Protein backbone atom coordinates (compact mmCIF):
# COMPACT_ATOMS: atom_id res chain seq x y z
CA MET A 1 0.00 0.12 -0.15
CA LYS A 2 1.47 3.42 -1.15
CA ASN A 3 1.61 5.92 1.45
CA PHE A 4 0.95 9.64 1.47
CA LYS A 5 3.67 10.75 3.58
CA LEU A 6 6.42 8.44 2.96
CA ALA A 7 5.86 9.49 -0.89
CA PHE A 8 6.30 13.01 -0.43
CA ASP A 9 9.47 11.99 1.49
CA HIS A 10 10.55 10.25 -1.63
CA VAL A 11 10.24 13.68 -3.21
CA ILE A 12 12.49 15.60 -0.81
CA LYS A 13 15.23 13.18 -0.47
CA LYS A 14 15.44 12.83 -4.14
CA ILE A 15 15.63 16.66 -4.47
CA GLN A 16 18.32 16.63 -2.13
CA SER A 17 20.49 14.23 -2.96
CA LYS A 18 19.99 16.06 -6.96
CA GLU A 19 18.58 12.58 -8.28
CA ASN A 20 16.72 13.70 -11.23
CA PHE A 21 13.39 12.59 -11.80
CA ALA A 22 9.86 13.54 -13.01
CA PHE A 23 6.63 13.82 -11.24
CA THR A 24 3.50 14.72 -13.67
CA ARG A 25 0.06 14.67 -12.47
CA PHE A 26 -3.25 12.83 -14.03
CA SER A 27 -5.66 15.06 -11.70
CA ASP A 28 -9.22 15.27 -12.10
CA GLY A 29 -9.11 17.15 -15.32
CA GLU A 30 -6.44 14.62 -17.07
CA LEU A 31 -9.04 11.82 -16.19
CA PHE A 32 -12.00 13.29 -17.82
CA ILE A 33 -9.85 14.06 -20.61
CA LEU A 34 -8.81 10.21 -20.68
CA GLN A 35 -12.31 9.16 -20.60
CA ASP A 36 -13.31 11.28 -23.35
CA LYS A 37 -15.58 13.64 -21.68
CA THR A 38 -16.15 17.16 -22.29
CA LEU A 39 -14.32 19.16 -20.12
CA ILE A 40 -15.18 23.08 -19.45
CA LEU A 41 -13.92 25.41 -16.83
CA ALA A 42 -15.73 28.57 -17.30
CA ASP A 43 -16.05 31.90 -15.30
CA ASN A 44 -19.06 30.25 -13.18
CA HIS A 45 -19.61 26.99 -14.08
CA TYR A 46 -17.80 23.74 -15.04
CA VAL A 47 -18.96 20.80 -17.19
CA THR A 48 -17.40 17.44 -16.74
CA GLY A 49 -19.40 14.85 -19.39
CA GLU A 50 -22.93 15.08 -18.51
CA VAL A 51 -22.39 17.07 -14.96
CA THR A 52 -22.63 20.55 -15.13
CA GLY A 53 -22.42 22.94 -12.01
CA PRO A 54 -21.73 26.03 -10.84
CA ASN A 55 -18.22 27.33 -9.68
CA ARG A 56 -15.96 30.31 -10.16
CA TYR A 57 -13.00 29.84 -12.48
CA THR A 58 -10.54 32.66 -12.94
CA LYS A 59 -9.10 33.24 -16.72
CA GLU A 60 -6.26 31.59 -15.77
CA GLU A 61 -7.82 28.36 -14.98
CA HIS A 62 -10.41 28.38 -17.79
CA LYS A 63 -9.86 25.42 -20.07
CA GLU A 64 -11.53 23.24 -22.94
CA PHE A 65 -11.49 19.69 -24.39
CA TYR A 66 -14.48 18.48 -26.83
CA PRO A 67 -13.90 15.07 -27.37
CA ASP A 68 -15.25 15.86 -31.11
CA LYS A 69 -12.50 18.39 -32.03
CA HIS A 70 -9.44 17.81 -29.45
CA GLN A 71 -8.55 13.44 -29.85
CA PHE A 72 -5.35 14.77 -30.83
CA TYR A 73 -4.82 16.08 -27.60
CA ARG A 74 -6.42 13.00 -25.87
CA GLU A 75 -4.28 10.59 -27.75
CA LYS A 76 -1.14 12.42 -26.77
CA LEU A 77 -2.28 12.27 -23.18
CA ILE A 78 -2.70 8.29 -23.19
CA GLU A 79 1.04 8.21 -24.55
CA CYS A 80 2.05 10.16 -21.63
CA TYR A 81 0.22 8.28 -19.44
CA ARG A 82 0.79 4.89 -20.31
CA HIS A 83 4.66 5.75 -20.66
CA ASN A 84 6.95 4.02 -17.75
CA GLN A 85 10.30 4.71 -17.54
CA ASP A 86 12.90 4.65 -14.48
CA GLY A 87 12.15 7.70 -12.54
CA TYR A 88 9.12 8.88 -14.32
CA TYR A 89 6.45 9.23 -11.36
CA LYS A 90 2.88 9.41 -12.37
CA GLY A 91 0.06 10.65 -9.73
CA ILE A 92 -3.56 9.63 -10.36
CA CYS A 93 -6.55 10.65 -8.27
CA THR A 94 -7.63 8.35 -5.67
CA SER A 95 -11.02 7.92 -4.05
CA THR A 96 -10.36 10.28 -1.42
CA ASP A 97 -10.80 12.91 -3.84
CA GLY A 98 -14.63 13.08 -3.00
CA HIS A 99 -15.85 13.75 -6.84
CA VAL A 100 -13.45 11.46 -8.39
CA GLY A 101 -14.42 7.99 -6.05
CA LYS A 102 -12.94 4.44 -6.04
CA GLU A 103 -14.78 3.55 -9.39
CA ASN A 104 -12.64 6.08 -11.47
CA PHE A 105 -9.48 5.16 -9.29
CA ASP A 106 -9.86 1.70 -10.19
CA TRP A 107 -10.54 2.75 -13.96
CA MET A 108 -7.25 4.72 -13.76
CA ILE A 109 -5.44 2.05 -12.54
CA ASP A 110 -6.96 -0.38 -15.63
CA PHE A 111 -6.28 2.29 -18.22
CA HIS A 112 -2.87 2.34 -17.06
CA GLY A 113 -2.76 -1.36 -17.85
CA GLY A 114 -2.38 -1.98 -13.73
CA ASP A 115 -0.79 -0.52 -10.81
CA HIS A 116 3.12 0.20 -11.26
CA GLU A 117 5.98 1.42 -8.88
CA ASN A 118 5.85 4.62 -10.64
CA LEU A 119 2.21 5.02 -9.88
CA THR A 120 1.74 7.83 -7.14
CA PHE A 121 -0.79 10.12 -5.62
CA ALA A 122 -1.80 13.17 -8.13
CA ASN A 123 -2.43 15.05 -4.91
CA LEU A 124 1.34 14.13 -3.43
CA LEU A 125 1.91 17.76 -3.06
CA ILE A 126 -1.22 19.13 -1.52
CA ASN A 127 -3.67 18.66 0.91
CA ALA A 128 -2.07 17.51 4.18
CA ASN A 129 1.77 17.47 2.47
CA TYR A 130 1.25 21.35 1.25
CA LYS A 131 2.74 22.80 4.58
CA ARG A 132 5.56 20.51 3.87
CA PHE A 133 5.70 21.48 0.33
CA VAL A 134 6.03 25.42 1.38
CA GLU A 135 8.42 24.41 4.36
CA GLU A 136 10.55 21.54 2.90
CA LEU A 137 10.60 21.52 -0.78
CA ILE A 138 10.50 25.47 -1.79
CA PRO A 139 13.75 26.02 0.33
CA LEU A 140 15.34 23.45 -1.87
CA LEU A 141 14.86 25.56 -4.79
CA GLN A 142 16.97 28.05 -3.71
CA ASN A 143 20.67 26.93 -4.62
CA ARG A 144 19.23 25.11 -7.90
CA GLU A 145 18.70 26.49 -11.44
CA VAL A 146 15.05 26.72 -11.70
CA ILE A 147 12.95 26.82 -15.20
CA TYR A 148 9.48 27.63 -14.99
CA VAL A 149 6.46 26.91 -17.42
CA VAL A 150 3.77 29.46 -15.93
CA ASN A 151 0.78 31.60 -16.67
CA GLU A 152 1.06 35.01 -18.38
CA LEU A 153 -0.96 36.66 -15.57
CA ALA A 154 1.25 35.40 -13.03
CA ASP A 155 3.71 37.87 -11.21
CA THR A 156 6.99 35.72 -10.41
CA SER A 157 8.57 38.78 -8.54
CA ARG A 158 7.82 37.62 -5.47
CA LEU A 159 8.94 33.95 -5.26
CA PRO A 160 11.69 33.14 -2.75
CA PHE A 161 14.07 31.71 -5.42
CA GLU A 162 15.06 32.69 -8.75
CA ILE A 163 13.83 31.82 -11.93
CA SER A 164 16.96 31.54 -14.66
CA LYS A 165 14.12 31.08 -17.79
CA GLU A 166 10.21 31.41 -18.07
CA PHE A 167 8.05 29.89 -20.28
CA ILE A 168 4.79 31.89 -20.99
CA ILE A 169 1.17 30.35 -21.35
CA GLY A 170 -2.76 31.16 -21.46
CA SER A 171 -5.81 30.02 -20.73
CA ASN A 172 -6.58 26.72 -22.21
CA CYS A 173 -2.54 26.11 -22.52
CA MET A 174 -2.74 22.25 -23.55
CA ILE A 175 -4.47 23.05 -27.06
CA ASN A 176 -3.55 27.23 -27.04
CA ASN A 177 0.24 26.54 -26.24
CA TYR A 178 0.86 23.15 -27.63
CA ASP A 179 4.06 24.01 -29.19
CA THR A 180 5.76 24.98 -25.74
CA SER A 181 6.49 21.58 -25.13
CA GLU A 182 8.82 21.72 -28.09
CA SER A 183 10.21 24.77 -27.11
CA VAL A 184 10.77 23.85 -23.43
CA ARG A 185 12.43 20.74 -24.75
CA LYS A 186 14.40 22.73 -27.29
CA TYR A 187 15.85 24.95 -25.00
CA ILE A 188 17.29 22.39 -22.71
CA GLU A 189 18.93 20.68 -25.20
CA ASP A 190 20.85 23.86 -27.29
CA ASN A 191 21.78 25.11 -23.86
CA ASN A 192 22.77 21.78 -22.59
CA ILE A 193 21.01 22.33 -19.74
CA THR A 194 21.42 19.86 -16.76
CA ASP A 195 20.49 19.34 -13.28
CA ALA A 196 18.29 22.18 -13.46
CA ILE A 197 14.65 21.90 -11.69
CA ILE A 198 11.85 22.65 -14.18
CA LEU A 199 8.80 23.76 -12.47
CA CYS A 200 5.34 23.33 -14.47
CA SER A 201 2.00 25.14 -13.80
CA ALA A 202 0.09 24.66 -17.16
CA ALA A 203 -3.15 22.61 -16.42
CA SER A 204 -2.48 18.98 -19.11
CA LEU A 205 0.20 20.59 -21.05
CA SER A 206 2.35 19.86 -17.82
CA ASN A 207 1.95 16.22 -18.86
CA PHE A 208 3.08 17.00 -22.38
CA ILE A 209 6.05 18.90 -21.30
CA ILE A 210 7.43 16.65 -18.64
CA TYR A 211 6.75 13.54 -21.07
CA ASP A 212 8.56 15.19 -24.13
CA CYS A 213 11.32 16.23 -21.98
CA PHE A 214 12.38 13.64 -19.75
CA LYS A 215 11.68 10.52 -22.22
CA ASP A 216 15.09 10.59 -24.01
CA ASN A 217 16.89 13.18 -21.68
CA PRO A 218 16.52 12.29 -18.08
CA ASN A 219 19.05 14.81 -16.87
CA ASN A 220 16.79 17.36 -15.17
CA THR A 221 13.97 17.16 -12.71
CA PHE A 222 10.60 17.93 -14.02
CA LEU A 223 7.64 18.48 -10.89
CA ASP A 224 4.04 19.18 -11.91
CA ILE A 225 3.38 21.71 -9.19
CA GLY A 226 -0.16 22.81 -10.30
CA SER A 227 -1.42 25.78 -8.41
CA CYS A 228 0.92 25.31 -5.73
CA LEU A 229 2.65 28.85 -5.99
CA ASN A 230 -0.57 30.46 -7.13
CA PRO A 231 -0.78 32.69 -3.66
CA LEU A 232 2.80 33.65 -4.39
CA LEU A 233 1.81 34.74 -8.08
CA SER A 234 -0.62 37.36 -7.35
CA LEU A 235 -3.14 35.25 -8.67
CA GLU A 236 -6.77 35.19 -7.34
CA GLY A 237 -8.61 31.81 -8.82
CA TRP A 238 -7.10 29.74 -5.88
CA LYS A 239 -9.08 31.57 -3.07
CA TYR A 240 -12.41 29.97 -4.68
CA THR A 241 -11.40 26.85 -6.00
CA ARG A 242 -8.27 25.44 -3.66
CA GLY A 243 -9.20 24.62 -0.20
CA TYR A 244 -5.77 23.35 0.56
CA LEU A 245 -4.23 26.87 -0.55
CA THR A 246 -6.91 28.44 1.88
CA GLY A 247 -6.21 26.43 4.74
CA TYR A 248 -2.61 27.08 4.70
CA TRP A 249 -2.74 30.90 3.35
CA LEU A 250 -5.70 32.19 4.95
CA ASN A 251 -5.95 29.94 7.69
CA SER A 252 -9.40 28.54 6.45
CA SER A 253 -11.22 25.99 8.09
CA SER A 254 -11.11 23.66 4.74
CA PRO A 255 -10.89 19.96 5.11
CA PHE A 256 -8.42 19.48 2.41
CA ALA A 257 -5.63 21.06 4.65
CA LYS A 258 -5.35 18.11 6.85
CA GLN A 259 -6.46 15.50 4.12
CA VAL A 260 -4.22 12.17 4.05
CA ASP A 261 -4.76 10.82 0.64
CA ILE A 262 -5.11 6.72 0.46
CA TRP A 263 -4.29 4.56 -2.17
CA SER A 264 -7.71 3.01 -3.06
């Protein structure tokens, strides 16, 4: 049985020892795309397959996936998901995610072709582990070369570590900024970048970037950090949709701040 805390320990030890690896997240949005369901996050509502509901999403969180228009991107995501390689860790949704449930956890395991030692928690860096992300992982970035794939609305000037290179993406970046994956890969190759840490906050585009860059050149570390840094980037959407962030930064009573994900 995989353990939420020990899996985070594993990440910390690898960064401390400068052992390169990749962590890429297949969270709920990726789940719905893999299942070939319509996915929309808009200003005041969401659509996942046949389910529609109200919620508030700011511009940096907007996305659209239509099965009849975007199969190319789904096939690419499947390729990323089913790829196995030493040091290539794939986080998936667990039944602890209330809107995902055990049925979808089982579906992800089956669609992958079975459980694997390199499958881990999509929520590895958040929920009950988020305090450790801020207080243990972020300081480890201060003496490393860091490249960041980040939204155009983000202000990186307040980050407590230096960024050597930014790749800027916009809304619905999996589709609108697909070519960024090749740009990152080429930058790493042309500049002989090694032992850097590449942070990705680019929704499903992060999966593409990490897969494309790591599979043939595993000499850097890639971290799909999602919205982990959003409170430091002058972005506002996290206040409405990210309980683990409001729990830490605003001292809210969100249960996500204490949620320990279970491998089931």
